[in-house]
PDB file of N, CA and C in Angstrom:
ATOM      1  N   UNK A   1      29.991 115.027 -75.125  1.00  0.00           N
ATOM      2  CA  UNK A   1      29.086 114.051 -75.687  1.00  0.00           C
ATOM      3  C   UNK A   1      29.703 113.334 -76.888  1.00  0.00           C
ATOM      4  N   UNK A   2      30.803 113.833 -77.395  1.00  0.00           N
ATOM      5  CA  UNK A   2      31.428 113.182 -78.537  1.00  0.00           C
ATOM      6  C   UNK A   2      32.388 112.071 -78.118  1.00  0.00           C
ATOM      7  N   UNK A   3      32.789 112.041 -76.846  1.00  0.00           N
ATOM      8  CA  UNK A   3      33.678 110.966 -76.398  1.00  0.00           C
ATOM      9  C   UNK A   3      32.863 109.696 -76.152  1.00  0.00           C
ATOM     10  N   UNK A   4      33.533 108.592 -76.077  1.00  0.00           N
ATOM     11  CA  UNK A   4      32.879 107.315 -75.858  1.00  0.00           C
ATOM     12  C   UNK A   4      32.851 106.999 -74.370  1.00  0.00           C
ATOM     13  N   UNK A   5      32.013 107.698 -73.639  1.00  0.00           N
ATOM     14  CA  UNK A   5      31.905 107.470 -72.203  1.00  0.00           C
ATOM     15  C   UNK A   5      30.523 106.918 -71.879  1.00  0.00           C
ATOM     16  N   UNK A   6      30.325 106.592 -70.613  1.00  0.00           N
ATOM     17  CA  UNK A   6      29.032 106.043 -70.189  1.00  0.00           C
ATOM     18  C   UNK A   6      27.929 107.080 -70.348  1.00  0.00           C
ATOM     19  N   UNK A   7      28.244 108.357 -70.102  1.00  0.00           N
ATOM     20  CA  UNK A   7      27.239 109.406 -70.283  1.00  0.00           C
ATOM     21  C   UNK A   7      26.827 109.528 -71.743  1.00  0.00           C
ATOM     22  N   UNK A   8      27.772 109.361 -72.622  1.00  0.00           N
ATOM     23  CA  UNK A   8      27.465 109.418 -74.046  1.00  0.00           C
ATOM     24  C   UNK A   8      26.524 108.288 -74.449  1.00  0.00           C
ATOM     25  N   UNK A   9      26.772 107.109 -73.934  1.00  0.00           N
ATOM     26  CA  UNK A   9      25.899 105.982 -74.261  1.00  0.00           C
ATOM     27  C   UNK A   9      24.501 106.166 -73.690  1.00  0.00           C
ATOM     28  N   UNK A  10      24.393 106.802 -72.523  1.00  0.00           N
ATOM     29  CA  UNK A  10      23.084 106.996 -71.893  1.00  0.00           C
ATOM     30  C   UNK A  10      22.277 108.112 -72.549  1.00  0.00           C
ATOM     31  N   UNK A  11      22.932 109.234 -72.842  1.00  0.00           N
ATOM     32  CA  UNK A  11      22.202 110.426 -73.267  1.00  0.00           C
ATOM     33  C   UNK A  11      22.288 110.736 -74.753  1.00  0.00           C
ATOM     34  N   UNK A  12      23.140 110.074 -75.492  1.00  0.00           N
ATOM     35  CA  UNK A  12      23.259 110.344 -76.930  1.00  0.00           C
ATOM     36  C   UNK A  12      21.963 110.054 -77.690  1.00  0.00           C
ATOM     37  N   UNK A  13      21.207 109.023 -77.346  1.00  0.00           N
ATOM     38  CA  UNK A  13      19.937 108.830 -78.067  1.00  0.00           C
ATOM     39  C   UNK A  13      18.938 109.971 -77.852  1.00  0.00           C
ATOM     40  N   UNK A  14      19.041 110.671 -76.747  1.00  0.00           N
ATOM     41  CA  UNK A  14      18.107 111.762 -76.450  1.00  0.00           C
ATOM     42  C   UNK A  14      18.623 113.083 -77.016  1.00  0.00           C
ATOM     43  N   UNK A  15      19.888 113.414 -76.723  1.00  0.00           N
ATOM     44  CA  UNK A  15      20.434 114.724 -77.063  1.00  0.00           C
ATOM     45  C   UNK A  15      21.317 114.711 -78.303  1.00  0.00           C
ATOM     46  N   UNK A  16      21.727 113.552 -78.741  1.00  0.00           N
ATOM     47  CA  UNK A  16      22.601 113.459 -79.899  1.00  0.00           C
ATOM     48  C   UNK A  16      24.057 113.668 -79.520  1.00  0.00           C
ATOM     49  N   UNK A  17      24.934 113.707 -80.524  1.00  0.00           N
ATOM     50  CA  UNK A  17      26.364 113.900 -80.289  1.00  0.00           C
ATOM     51  C   UNK A  17      26.918 115.065 -81.092  1.00  0.00           C
ATOM     52  N   UNK A  18      26.053 115.850 -81.682  1.00  0.00           N
ATOM     53  CA  UNK A  18      26.497 116.981 -82.496  1.00  0.00           C
ATOM     54  C   UNK A  18      26.917 118.145 -81.609  1.00  0.00           C
ATOM     55  N   UNK A  19      27.276 119.241 -82.265  1.00  0.00           N
ATOM     56  CA  UNK A  19      27.644 120.460 -81.552  1.00  0.00           C
ATOM     57  C   UNK A  19      26.463 120.951 -80.733  1.00  0.00           C
ATOM     58  N   UNK A  20      26.701 121.230 -79.458  1.00  0.00           N
ATOM     59  CA  UNK A  20      25.662 121.737 -78.576  1.00  0.00           C
ATOM     60  C   UNK A  20      24.940 120.676 -77.778  1.00  0.00           C
ATOM     61  N   UNK A  21      25.219 119.415 -78.016  1.00  0.00           N
ATOM     62  CA  UNK A  21      24.530 118.345 -77.288  1.00  0.00           C
ATOM     63  C   UNK A  21      24.905 118.350 -75.811  1.00  0.00           C
ATOM     64  N   UNK A  22      26.152 118.633 -75.499  1.00  0.00           N
ATOM     65  CA  UNK A  22      26.570 118.694 -74.095  1.00  0.00           C
ATOM     66  C   UNK A  22      25.929 119.854 -73.354  1.00  0.00           C
ATOM     67  N   UNK A  23      25.793 120.982 -74.038  1.00  0.00           N
ATOM     68  CA  UNK A  23      25.143 122.135 -73.426  1.00  0.00           C
ATOM     69  C   UNK A  23      23.657 121.858 -73.217  1.00  0.00           C
ATOM     70  N   UNK A  24      23.034 121.166 -74.151  1.00  0.00           N
ATOM     71  CA  UNK A  24      21.625 120.797 -73.989  1.00  0.00           C
ATOM     72  C   UNK A  24      21.438 119.886 -72.783  1.00  0.00           C
ATOM     73  N   UNK A  25      22.337 118.935 -72.619  1.00  0.00           N
ATOM     74  CA  UNK A  25      22.291 118.050 -71.456  1.00  0.00           C
ATOM     75  C   UNK A  25      22.492 118.843 -70.173  1.00  0.00           C
ATOM     76  N   UNK A  26      23.457 119.749 -70.169  1.00  0.00           N
ATOM     77  CA  UNK A  26      23.707 120.583 -68.997  1.00  0.00           C
ATOM     78  C   UNK A  26      22.492 121.439 -68.669  1.00  0.00           C
ATOM     79  N   UNK A  27      21.860 122.014 -69.662  1.00  0.00           N
ATOM     80  CA  UNK A  27      20.670 122.847 -69.463  1.00  0.00           C
ATOM     81  C   UNK A  27      19.545 122.042 -68.813  1.00  0.00           C
ATOM     82  N   UNK A  28      19.306 120.835 -69.289  1.00  0.00           N
ATOM     83  CA  UNK A  28      18.249 119.988 -68.725  1.00  0.00           C
ATOM     84  C   UNK A  28      18.586 119.581 -67.295  1.00  0.00           C
ATOM     85  N   UNK A  29      19.846 119.269 -67.032  1.00  0.00           N
ATOM     86  CA  UNK A  29      20.247 118.882 -65.677  1.00  0.00           C
ATOM     87  C   UNK A  29      20.077 120.043 -64.701  1.00  0.00           C
ATOM     88  N   UNK A  30      20.479 121.245 -65.108  1.00  0.00           N
ATOM     89  CA  UNK A  30      20.361 122.405 -64.233  1.00  0.00           C
ATOM     90  C   UNK A  30      18.896 122.776 -64.015  1.00  0.00           C
ATOM     91  N   UNK A  31      18.081 122.689 -65.064  1.00  0.00           N
ATOM     92  CA  UNK A  31      16.655 122.983 -64.923  1.00  0.00           C
ATOM     93  C   UNK A  31      15.987 121.993 -63.974  1.00  0.00           C
ATOM     94  N   UNK A  32      16.374 120.727 -64.051  1.00  0.00           N
ATOM     95  CA  UNK A  32      15.837 119.722 -63.138  1.00  0.00           C
ATOM     96  C   UNK A  32      16.268 120.004 -61.705  1.00  0.00           C
ATOM     97  N   UNK A  33      17.517 120.402 -61.518  1.00  0.00           N
ATOM     98  CA  UNK A  33      18.003 120.728 -60.173  1.00  0.00           C
ATOM     99  C   UNK A  33      17.269 121.936 -59.611  1.00  0.00           C
ATOM    100  N   UNK A  34      17.010 122.953 -60.439  1.00  0.00           N
ATOM    101  CA  UNK A  34      16.280 124.127 -59.968  1.00  0.00           C
ATOM    102  C   UNK A  34      14.844 123.767 -59.599  1.00  0.00           C
ATOM    103  N   UNK A  35      14.236 122.879 -60.353  1.00  0.00           N
ATOM    104  CA  UNK A  35      12.895 122.423 -60.028  1.00  0.00           C
ATOM    105  C   UNK A  35      12.882 121.687 -58.691  1.00  0.00           C
ATOM    106  N   UNK A  36      13.877 120.839 -58.458  1.00  0.00           N
ATOM    107  CA  UNK A  36      13.967 120.125 -57.188  1.00  0.00           C
ATOM    108  C   UNK A  36      14.181 121.071 -56.019  1.00  0.00           C
ATOM    109  N   UNK A  37      15.006 122.103 -56.204  1.00  0.00           N
ATOM    110  CA  UNK A  37      15.221 123.087 -55.141  1.00  0.00           C
ATOM    111  C   UNK A  37      13.908 123.799 -54.809  1.00  0.00           C
ATOM    112  N   UNK A  38      13.145 124.146 -55.826  1.00  0.00           N
ATOM    113  CA  UNK A  38      11.866 124.806 -55.603  1.00  0.00           C
ATOM    114  C   UNK A  38      10.877 123.917 -54.879  1.00  0.00           C
ATOM    115  N   UNK A  39      10.783 122.660 -55.268  1.00  0.00           N
ATOM    116  CA  UNK A  39       9.849 121.733 -54.626  1.00  0.00           C
ATOM    117  C   UNK A  39      10.248 121.477 -53.181  1.00  0.00           C
ATOM    118  N   UNK A  40      11.534 121.256 -52.952  1.00  0.00           N
ATOM    119  CA  UNK A  40      12.000 121.019 -51.583  1.00  0.00           C
ATOM    120  C   UNK A  40      11.785 122.265 -50.723  1.00  0.00           C
ATOM    121  N   UNK A  41      12.054 123.437 -51.266  1.00  0.00           N
ATOM    122  CA  UNK A  41      11.826 124.666 -50.523  1.00  0.00           C
ATOM    123  C   UNK A  41      10.367 124.886 -50.213  1.00  0.00           C
ATOM    124  N   UNK A  42       9.500 124.494 -51.104  1.00  0.00           N
ATOM    125  CA  UNK A  42       8.062 124.634 -50.876  1.00  0.00           C
ATOM    126  C   UNK A  42       7.584 123.686 -49.785  1.00  0.00           C
ATOM    127  N   UNK A  43       8.188 122.527 -49.699  1.00  0.00           N
ATOM    128  CA  UNK A  43       7.744 121.508 -48.747  1.00  0.00           C
ATOM    129  C   UNK A  43       8.356 121.657 -47.349  1.00  0.00           C
ATOM    130  N   UNK A  44       9.407 122.449 -47.190  1.00  0.00           N
ATOM    131  CA  UNK A  44      10.040 122.585 -45.882  1.00  0.00           C
ATOM    132  C   UNK A  44       9.176 123.422 -44.942  1.00  0.00           C
ATOM    133  N   UNK A  45       8.770 122.861 -43.826  1.00  0.00           N
ATOM    134  CA  UNK A  45       7.929 123.638 -42.905  1.00  0.00           C
ATOM    135  C   UNK A  45       8.688 124.793 -42.243  1.00  0.00           C
ATOM    136  N   UNK A  46      10.017 124.727 -42.201  1.00  0.00           N
ATOM    137  CA  UNK A  46      10.798 125.800 -41.598  1.00  0.00           C
ATOM    138  C   UNK A  46      10.691 127.092 -42.402  1.00  0.00           C
ATOM    139  N   UNK A  47      10.352 127.021 -43.662  1.00  0.00           N
ATOM    140  CA  UNK A  47      10.269 128.200 -44.503  1.00  0.00           C
ATOM    141  C   UNK A  47       8.874 128.832 -44.530  1.00  0.00           C
ATOM    142  N   UNK A  48       7.886 128.178 -43.974  1.00  0.00           N
ATOM    143  CA  UNK A  48       6.532 128.706 -43.993  1.00  0.00           C
ATOM    144  C   UNK A  48       6.379 130.002 -43.203  1.00  0.00           C
ATOM    145  N   UNK A  49       7.032 130.192 -42.069  1.00  0.00           N
ATOM    146  CA  UNK A  49       6.889 131.476 -41.348  1.00  0.00           C
ATOM    147  C   UNK A  49       7.418 132.671 -42.138  1.00  0.00           C
ATOM    148  N   UNK A  50       8.282 132.475 -43.080  1.00  0.00           N
ATOM    149  CA  UNK A  50       8.832 133.578 -43.880  1.00  0.00           C
ATOM    150  C   UNK A  50       7.721 134.242 -44.683  1.00  0.00           C
ATOM    151  N   UNK A  51       6.727 133.469 -45.099  1.00  0.00           N
ATOM    152  CA  UNK A  51       5.631 134.022 -45.868  1.00  0.00           C
ATOM    153  C   UNK A  51       4.813 135.024 -45.057  1.00  0.00           C
ATOM    154  N   UNK A  52       4.763 134.840 -43.739  1.00  0.00           N
ATOM    155  CA  UNK A  52       3.939 135.690 -42.880  1.00  0.00           C
ATOM    156  C   UNK A  52       4.670 136.903 -42.361  1.00  0.00           C
ATOM    157  N   UNK A  53       5.962 137.051 -42.640  1.00  0.00           N
ATOM    158  CA  UNK A  53       6.730 138.197 -42.158  1.00  0.00           C
ATOM    159  C   UNK A  53       6.347 139.444 -42.930  1.00  0.00           C
ATOM    160  N   UNK A  54       6.221 140.558 -42.209  1.00  0.00           N
ATOM    161  CA  UNK A  54       5.926 141.833 -42.857  1.00  0.00           C
ATOM    162  C   UNK A  54       7.223 142.504 -43.281  1.00  0.00           C
ATOM    163  N   UNK A  55       7.189 143.159 -44.406  1.00  0.00           N
ATOM    164  CA  UNK A  55       8.359 143.933 -44.812  1.00  0.00           C
ATOM    165  C   UNK A  55       8.265 145.304 -44.173  1.00  0.00           C
ATOM    166  N   UNK A  56       9.378 145.803 -43.722  1.00  0.00           N
ATOM    167  CA  UNK A  56       9.384 147.095 -43.022  1.00  0.00           C
ATOM    168  C   UNK A  56       9.703 148.228 -43.936  1.00  0.00           C
TER     169      UNK A  56
END
């Protein structure tokens, strides 16, 4: 986040350019990706039969 790149120009107003700003950006990106995986997994009809399986 300290370099002068396009990502810095886009995200520096939100996360800043100090120590830890890149990790904060990474954390938000990964959390968003995990949320998308959960939503997509919830919406896939192929995964619905798994809920009805009995554990042995």
